[in-house]
């Protein structure tokens, strides 16, 4: 009988090897790749406090890739806390960040994003009201036409109203047609309003 070579004993992994790093802690790592991976990890397996930690990192984050990973993670987590964490970024001077935050909100389920955006319709800043209109207009929600109608009938800023008309036309909500007529009466001498209302009417007739 031939000799059988004895198999070498498998090497044991050093203590601690294989332990996954805490993604919440890794969000503050000096290495951009580590921060990006941490954001991805939190988006796929949200931990308690992930929304606040991601928002906190986003406030100071300067790397575009990490920003994108954080915004994607918040959109994926899609809790009311995640939606609320994004709203303050709609008021930032960084236009790219504002738009990206709005896009993340728009990717969330309507029942999550809408409660975060609706209070902004009453905000003193007209730009924030416009963001709210754009966000709400993109959501597939039964209340969408009513929200846009309210803006056209009540908002004092014509630019906010025009944003509502555009959102209404894109959403295809002819049930709010009477609100278009109300808007035309509210700003009878504004050529932009007249043009927008006519364009919205035409879009509904063509459907």
C-alpha atoms as a PDB file:
ATOM      1  CA  UNK A   1       0.000   0.000   0.000  1.00  0.00           C
ATOM      2  CA  UNK A   2       1.465   3.354  -0.994  1.00  0.00           C
ATOM      3  CA  UNK A   3       2.100   6.110   1.425  1.00  0.00           C
ATOM      4  CA  UNK A   4      -0.645   8.715   1.674  1.00  0.00           C
ATOM      5  CA  UNK A   5       0.503  12.274   2.036  1.00  0.00           C
ATOM      6  CA  UNK A   6      -0.906  13.792   5.155  1.00  0.00           C
ATOM      7  CA  UNK A   7      -3.020  16.853   4.479  1.00  0.00           C
ATOM      8  CA  UNK A   8      -1.843  20.051   6.012  1.00  0.00           C
ATOM      9  CA  UNK A   9      -4.093  21.353   8.749  1.00  0.00           C
ATOM     10  CA  UNK A  10      -6.088  24.386   7.611  1.00  0.00           C
ATOM     11  CA  UNK A  11      -4.752  27.680   8.840  1.00  0.00           C
ATOM     12  CA  UNK A  12      -6.901  29.415  11.388  1.00  0.00           C
ATOM     13  CA  UNK A  13      -7.874  32.968  10.605  1.00  0.00           C
ATOM     14  CA  UNK A  14      -6.300  35.464  12.968  1.00  0.00           C
ATOM     15  CA  UNK A  15      -8.564  36.675  15.729  1.00  0.00           C
ATOM     16  CA  UNK A  16     -10.804  39.440  14.537  1.00  0.00           C
ATOM     17  CA  UNK A  17     -10.398  38.599  10.849  1.00  0.00           C
ATOM     18  CA  UNK A  18     -13.703  38.641   9.006  1.00  0.00           C
ATOM     19  CA  UNK A  19     -15.403  40.963  11.429  1.00  0.00           C
ATOM     20  CA  UNK A  20     -17.260  43.544   9.421  1.00  0.00           C
ATOM     21  CA  UNK A  21     -16.600  47.181  10.240  1.00  0.00           C
ATOM     22  CA  UNK A  22     -19.425  49.225  11.684  1.00  0.00           C
ATOM     23  CA  UNK A  23     -20.815  51.201   8.725  1.00  0.00           C
ATOM     24  CA  UNK A  24     -22.120  53.930  11.010  1.00  0.00           C
ATOM     25  CA  UNK A  25     -18.608  54.560  12.279  1.00  0.00           C
ATOM     26  CA  UNK A  26     -17.094  54.116   8.823  1.00  0.00           C
ATOM     27  CA  UNK A  27     -19.154  57.027   7.505  1.00  0.00           C
ATOM     28  CA  UNK A  28     -16.664  59.323   9.238  1.00  0.00           C
ATOM     29  CA  UNK A  29     -13.552  57.533   7.951  1.00  0.00           C
ATOM     30  CA  UNK A  30     -10.846  59.633   6.285  1.00  0.00           C
ATOM     31  CA  UNK A  31     -10.877  57.339   3.234  1.00  0.00           C
ATOM     32  CA  UNK A  32     -13.528  58.260   0.670  1.00  0.00           C
ATOM     33  CA  UNK A  33     -13.826  54.654  -0.495  1.00  0.00           C
ATOM     34  CA  UNK A  34     -14.559  53.512   3.055  1.00  0.00           C
ATOM     35  CA  UNK A  35     -17.229  56.205   3.470  1.00  0.00           C
ATOM     36  CA  UNK A  36     -18.785  55.289   0.135  1.00  0.00           C
ATOM     37  CA  UNK A  37     -18.890  51.587   0.994  1.00  0.00           C
ATOM     38  CA  UNK A  38     -20.384  52.400   4.387  1.00  0.00           C
ATOM     39  CA  UNK A  39     -23.190  54.380   2.756  1.00  0.00           C
ATOM     40  CA  UNK A  40     -23.900  51.531   0.341  1.00  0.00           C
ATOM     41  CA  UNK A  41     -23.990  49.068   3.234  1.00  0.00           C
ATOM     42  CA  UNK A  42     -26.458  51.197   5.186  1.00  0.00           C
ATOM     43  CA  UNK A  43     -28.704  51.474   2.165  1.00  0.00           C
ATOM     44  CA  UNK A  44     -28.986  47.703   1.899  1.00  0.00           C
ATOM     45  CA  UNK A  45     -29.230  46.907   5.581  1.00  0.00           C
ATOM     46  CA  UNK A  46     -30.419  49.967   7.415  1.00  0.00           C
ATOM     47  CA  UNK A  47     -29.378  50.113  11.030  1.00  0.00           C
ATOM     48  CA  UNK A  48     -31.083  52.086  13.800  1.00  0.00           C
ATOM     49  CA  UNK A  49     -29.915  55.677  13.488  1.00  0.00           C
ATOM     50  CA  UNK A  50     -28.758  55.229   9.897  1.00  0.00           C
ATOM     51  CA  UNK A  51     -30.905  58.075   8.575  1.00  0.00           C
ATOM     52  CA  UNK A  52     -29.491  60.635  11.014  1.00  0.00           C
ATOM     53  CA  UNK A  53     -25.929  59.418  10.487  1.00  0.00           C
ATOM     54  CA  UNK A  54     -26.216  59.606   6.706  1.00  0.00           C
ATOM     55  CA  UNK A  55     -27.722  63.093   6.844  1.00  0.00           C
ATOM     56  CA  UNK A  56     -24.996  64.252   9.234  1.00  0.00           C
ATOM     57  CA  UNK A  57     -22.297  62.965   6.873  1.00  0.00           C
ATOM     58  CA  UNK A  58     -24.005  64.550   3.881  1.00  0.00           C
ATOM     59  CA  UNK A  59     -23.826  67.994   5.500  1.00  0.00           C
ATOM     60  CA  UNK A  60     -20.028  67.959   5.414  1.00  0.00           C
ATOM     61  CA  UNK A  61     -19.306  65.549   2.566  1.00  0.00           C
ATOM     62  CA  UNK A  62     -17.274  67.018  -0.277  1.00  0.00           C
ATOM     63  CA  UNK A  63     -16.766  63.920  -2.430  1.00  0.00           C
ATOM     64  CA  UNK A  64     -19.351  63.568  -5.204  1.00  0.00           C
ATOM     65  CA  UNK A  65     -19.241  59.779  -5.155  1.00  0.00           C
ATOM     66  CA  UNK A  66     -19.863  59.573  -1.440  1.00  0.00           C
ATOM     67  CA  UNK A  67     -22.670  62.125  -1.718  1.00  0.00           C
ATOM     68  CA  UNK A  68     -24.341  60.025  -4.386  1.00  0.00           C
ATOM     69  CA  UNK A  69     -23.983  56.890  -2.272  1.00  0.00           C
ATOM     70  CA  UNK A  70     -25.535  58.649   0.738  1.00  0.00           C
ATOM     71  CA  UNK A  71     -28.460  59.989  -1.267  1.00  0.00           C
ATOM     72  CA  UNK A  72     -29.020  56.586  -2.850  1.00  0.00           C
ATOM     73  CA  UNK A  73     -28.945  54.961   0.581  1.00  0.00           C
ATOM     74  CA  UNK A  74     -31.535  57.363   1.988  1.00  0.00           C
ATOM     75  CA  UNK A  75     -33.786  56.815  -1.033  1.00  0.00           C
ATOM     76  CA  UNK A  76     -33.447  53.058  -0.592  1.00  0.00           C
ATOM     77  CA  UNK A  77     -34.132  53.160   3.161  1.00  0.00           C
ATOM     78  CA  UNK A  78     -37.267  55.201   2.370  1.00  0.00           C
ATOM     79  CA  UNK A  79     -38.555  55.645   5.905  1.00  0.00           C
ATOM     80  CA  UNK A  80     -40.307  58.799   7.128  1.00  0.00           C
ATOM     81  CA  UNK A  81     -37.080  59.571   8.981  1.00  0.00           C
ATOM     82  CA  UNK A  82     -35.079  59.281   5.749  1.00  0.00           C
ATOM     83  CA  UNK A  83     -37.474  61.613   3.930  1.00  0.00           C
ATOM     84  CA  UNK A  84     -37.379  64.137   6.772  1.00  0.00           C
ATOM     85  CA  UNK A  85     -33.573  63.984   6.765  1.00  0.00           C
ATOM     86  CA  UNK A  86     -33.483  65.053   3.111  1.00  0.00           C
ATOM     87  CA  UNK A  87     -35.823  68.043   3.388  1.00  0.00           C
ATOM     88  CA  UNK A  88     -33.266  70.463   4.934  1.00  0.00           C
ATOM     89  CA  UNK A  89     -31.001  69.963   1.916  1.00  0.00           C
ATOM     90  CA  UNK A  90     -33.635  71.546  -0.332  1.00  0.00           C
ATOM     91  CA  UNK A  91     -32.639  74.845   1.278  1.00  0.00           C
ATOM     92  CA  UNK A  92     -28.906  74.567   0.608  1.00  0.00           C
ATOM     93  CA  UNK A  93     -27.021  77.009  -1.630  1.00  0.00           C
ATOM     94  CA  UNK A  94     -25.449  74.085  -3.493  1.00  0.00           C
ATOM     95  CA  UNK A  95     -27.826  73.671  -6.447  1.00  0.00           C
ATOM     96  CA  UNK A  96     -26.522  70.211  -7.322  1.00  0.00           C
ATOM     97  CA  UNK A  97     -27.157  68.993  -3.782  1.00  0.00           C
ATOM     98  CA  UNK A  98     -30.628  70.554  -3.709  1.00  0.00           C
ATOM     99  CA  UNK A  99     -31.612  68.832  -6.939  1.00  0.00           C
ATOM    100  CA  UNK A 100     -30.128  65.513  -5.869  1.00  0.00           C
ATOM    101  CA  UNK A 101     -31.976  65.631  -2.551  1.00  0.00           C
ATOM    102  CA  UNK A 102     -35.246  66.296  -4.380  1.00  0.00           C
ATOM    103  CA  UNK A 103     -34.585  63.399  -6.754  1.00  0.00           C
ATOM    104  CA  UNK A 104     -33.995  61.092  -3.797  1.00  0.00           C
ATOM    105  CA  UNK A 105     -37.314  62.150  -2.294  1.00  0.00           C
ATOM    106  CA  UNK A 106     -39.041  61.551  -5.622  1.00  0.00           C
ATOM    107  CA  UNK A 107     -37.672  58.004  -5.698  1.00  0.00           C
ATOM    108  CA  UNK A 108     -39.344  57.171  -2.393  1.00  0.00           C
ATOM    109  CA  UNK A 109     -42.876  55.776  -2.148  1.00  0.00           C
ATOM    110  CA  UNK A 110     -45.464  58.535  -2.348  1.00  0.00           C
ATOM    111  CA  UNK A 111     -46.830  57.778   1.102  1.00  0.00           C
ATOM    112  CA  UNK A 112     -43.358  58.422   2.545  1.00  0.00           C
ATOM    113  CA  UNK A 113     -42.278  61.454   0.515  1.00  0.00           C
ATOM    114  CA  UNK A 114     -45.570  63.366   0.539  1.00  0.00           C
ATOM    115  CA  UNK A 115     -45.766  63.996   4.315  1.00  0.00           C
ATOM    116  CA  UNK A 116     -42.225  65.388   4.219  1.00  0.00           C
ATOM    117  CA  UNK A 117     -42.934  67.728   1.297  1.00  0.00           C
ATOM    118  CA  UNK A 118     -46.453  68.955   2.079  1.00  0.00           C
ATOM    119  CA  UNK A 119     -45.460  71.309   4.938  1.00  0.00           C
ATOM    120  CA  UNK A 120     -43.177  73.154   2.518  1.00  0.00           C
ATOM    121  CA  UNK A 121     -46.211  74.393   0.577  1.00  0.00           C
ATOM    122  CA  UNK A 122     -46.727  76.871   3.416  1.00  0.00           C
ATOM    123  CA  UNK A 123     -43.075  77.862   3.755  1.00  0.00           C
ATOM    124  CA  UNK A 124     -42.220  81.567   3.561  1.00  0.00           C
ATOM    125  CA  UNK A 125     -39.517  80.885   0.952  1.00  0.00           C
ATOM    126  CA  UNK A 126     -41.047  80.700  -2.525  1.00  0.00           C
ATOM    127  CA  UNK A 127     -38.123  78.628  -3.823  1.00  0.00           C
ATOM    128  CA  UNK A 128     -38.851  75.939  -1.255  1.00  0.00           C
ATOM    129  CA  UNK A 129     -42.516  76.000  -2.226  1.00  0.00           C
ATOM    130  CA  UNK A 130     -41.469  75.441  -5.834  1.00  0.00           C
ATOM    131  CA  UNK A 131     -39.351  72.462  -4.796  1.00  0.00           C
ATOM    132  CA  UNK A 132     -42.317  71.079  -2.900  1.00  0.00           C
ATOM    133  CA  UNK A 133     -44.563  71.488  -5.929  1.00  0.00           C
ATOM    134  CA  UNK A 134     -42.050  69.760  -8.183  1.00  0.00           C
ATOM    135  CA  UNK A 135     -41.632  66.914  -5.730  1.00  0.00           C
ATOM    136  CA  UNK A 136     -45.327  66.417  -5.059  1.00  0.00           C
ATOM    137  CA  UNK A 137     -46.197  66.687  -8.736  1.00  0.00           C
ATOM    138  CA  UNK A 138     -43.954  63.721  -9.530  1.00  0.00           C
ATOM    139  CA  UNK A 139     -45.554  61.396  -6.960  1.00  0.00           C
ATOM    140  CA  UNK A 140     -48.191  58.847  -7.900  1.00  0.00           C
ATOM    141  CA  UNK A 141     -50.610  59.767  -5.137  1.00  0.00           C
ATOM    142  CA  UNK A 142     -54.365  60.203  -5.082  1.00  0.00           C
ATOM    143  CA  UNK A 143     -53.976  63.635  -3.469  1.00  0.00           C
ATOM    144  CA  UNK A 144     -51.645  65.054  -6.093  1.00  0.00           C
ATOM    145  CA  UNK A 145     -54.253  66.977  -8.115  1.00  0.00           C
ATOM    146  CA  UNK A 146     -55.741  68.499  -4.949  1.00  0.00           C
ATOM    147  CA  UNK A 147     -52.319  69.653  -3.738  1.00  0.00           C
ATOM    148  CA  UNK A 148     -51.521  71.320  -7.050  1.00  0.00           C
ATOM    149  CA  UNK A 149     -54.992  72.858  -7.248  1.00  0.00           C
ATOM    150  CA  UNK A 150     -54.528  74.369  -3.802  1.00  0.00           C
ATOM    151  CA  UNK A 151     -51.297  76.007  -4.938  1.00  0.00           C
ATOM    152  CA  UNK A 152     -52.856  77.493  -8.074  1.00  0.00           C
ATOM    153  CA  UNK A 153     -55.828  78.817  -6.153  1.00  0.00           C
ATOM    154  CA  UNK A 154     -54.025  80.257  -3.128  1.00  0.00           C
ATOM    155  CA  UNK A 155     -50.298  80.852  -3.549  1.00  0.00           C
ATOM    156  CA  UNK A 156     -49.427  84.528  -3.912  1.00  0.00           C
ATOM    157  CA  UNK A 157     -46.232  83.960  -5.890  1.00  0.00           C
ATOM    158  CA  UNK A 158     -46.829  83.581  -9.611  1.00  0.00           C
ATOM    159  CA  UNK A 159     -43.703  81.474 -10.098  1.00  0.00           C
ATOM    160  CA  UNK A 160     -44.920  78.919  -7.573  1.00  0.00           C
ATOM    161  CA  UNK A 161     -48.255  78.804  -9.388  1.00  0.00           C
ATOM    162  CA  UNK A 162     -46.539  78.326 -12.735  1.00  0.00           C
ATOM    163  CA  UNK A 163     -44.571  75.431 -11.273  1.00  0.00           C
ATOM    164  CA  UNK A 164     -47.885  73.887 -10.222  1.00  0.00           C
ATOM    165  CA  UNK A 165     -49.301  74.303 -13.736  1.00  0.00           C
ATOM    166  CA  UNK A 166     -46.253  72.578 -15.216  1.00  0.00           C
ATOM    167  CA  UNK A 167     -46.468  69.752 -12.699  1.00  0.00           C
ATOM    168  CA  UNK A 168     -50.189  69.401 -13.328  1.00  0.00           C
ATOM    169  CA  UNK A 169     -49.682  69.117 -17.089  1.00  0.00           C
ATOM    170  CA  UNK A 170     -46.879  66.576 -16.708  1.00  0.00           C
ATOM    171  CA  UNK A 171     -48.908  64.520 -14.245  1.00  0.00           C
ATOM    172  CA  UNK A 172     -51.941  64.514 -16.523  1.00  0.00           C
ATOM    173  CA  UNK A 173     -54.528  65.576 -13.956  1.00  0.00           C
ATOM    174  CA  UNK A 174     -57.443  67.117 -15.891  1.00  0.00           C
ATOM    175  CA  UNK A 175     -59.589  66.946 -12.745  1.00  0.00           C
ATOM    176  CA  UNK A 176     -57.804  70.123 -11.654  1.00  0.00           C
ATOM    177  CA  UNK A 177     -58.792  71.983 -14.817  1.00  0.00           C
ATOM    178  CA  UNK A 178     -61.110  74.321 -12.911  1.00  0.00           C
ATOM    179  CA  UNK A 179     -58.136  75.437 -10.830  1.00  0.00           C
ATOM    180  CA  UNK A 180     -56.362  76.478 -14.021  1.00  0.00           C
ATOM    181  CA  UNK A 181     -59.276  78.783 -14.787  1.00  0.00           C
ATOM    182  CA  UNK A 182     -59.060  80.181 -11.249  1.00  0.00           C
ATOM    183  CA  UNK A 183     -55.380  80.876 -11.743  1.00  0.00           C
ATOM    184  CA  UNK A 184     -56.040  82.691 -15.030  1.00  0.00           C
ATOM    185  CA  UNK A 185     -58.532  84.939 -13.240  1.00  0.00           C
ATOM    186  CA  UNK A 186     -56.101  85.616 -10.388  1.00  0.00           C
ATOM    187  CA  UNK A 187     -53.380  86.882 -12.752  1.00  0.00           C
ATOM    188  CA  UNK A 188     -55.362  88.258 -15.713  1.00  0.00           C
ATOM    189  CA  UNK A 189     -52.561  90.492 -16.999  1.00  0.00           C
ATOM    190  CA  UNK A 190     -49.709  87.988 -16.788  1.00  0.00           C
ATOM    191  CA  UNK A 191     -48.762  86.689 -20.226  1.00  0.00           C
ATOM    192  CA  UNK A 192     -46.783  83.776 -18.807  1.00  0.00           C
ATOM    193  CA  UNK A 193     -49.804  82.591 -16.842  1.00  0.00           C
ATOM    194  CA  UNK A 194     -52.041  82.842 -19.887  1.00  0.00           C
ATOM    195  CA  UNK A 195     -49.562  80.860 -21.983  1.00  0.00           C
ATOM    196  CA  UNK A 196     -49.083  78.167 -19.305  1.00  0.00           C
ATOM    197  CA  UNK A 197     -52.814  77.746 -18.752  1.00  0.00           C
ATOM    198  CA  UNK A 198     -53.467  77.449 -22.503  1.00  0.00           C
ATOM    199  CA  UNK A 199     -50.681  74.905 -22.863  1.00  0.00           C
ATOM    200  CA  UNK A 200     -52.058  72.829 -19.979  1.00  0.00           C
ATOM    201  CA  UNK A 201     -55.571  72.942 -21.435  1.00  0.00           C
ATOM    202  CA  UNK A 202     -54.208  71.746 -24.782  1.00  0.00           C
ATOM    203  CA  UNK A 203     -52.305  68.896 -23.161  1.00  0.00           C
ATOM    204  CA  UNK A 204     -55.471  67.643 -21.480  1.00  0.00           C
ATOM    205  CA  UNK A 205     -57.494  67.878 -24.690  1.00  0.00           C
ATOM    206  CA  UNK A 206     -54.859  65.839 -26.486  1.00  0.00           C
ATOM    207  CA  UNK A 207     -55.013  62.963 -24.025  1.00  0.00           C
END
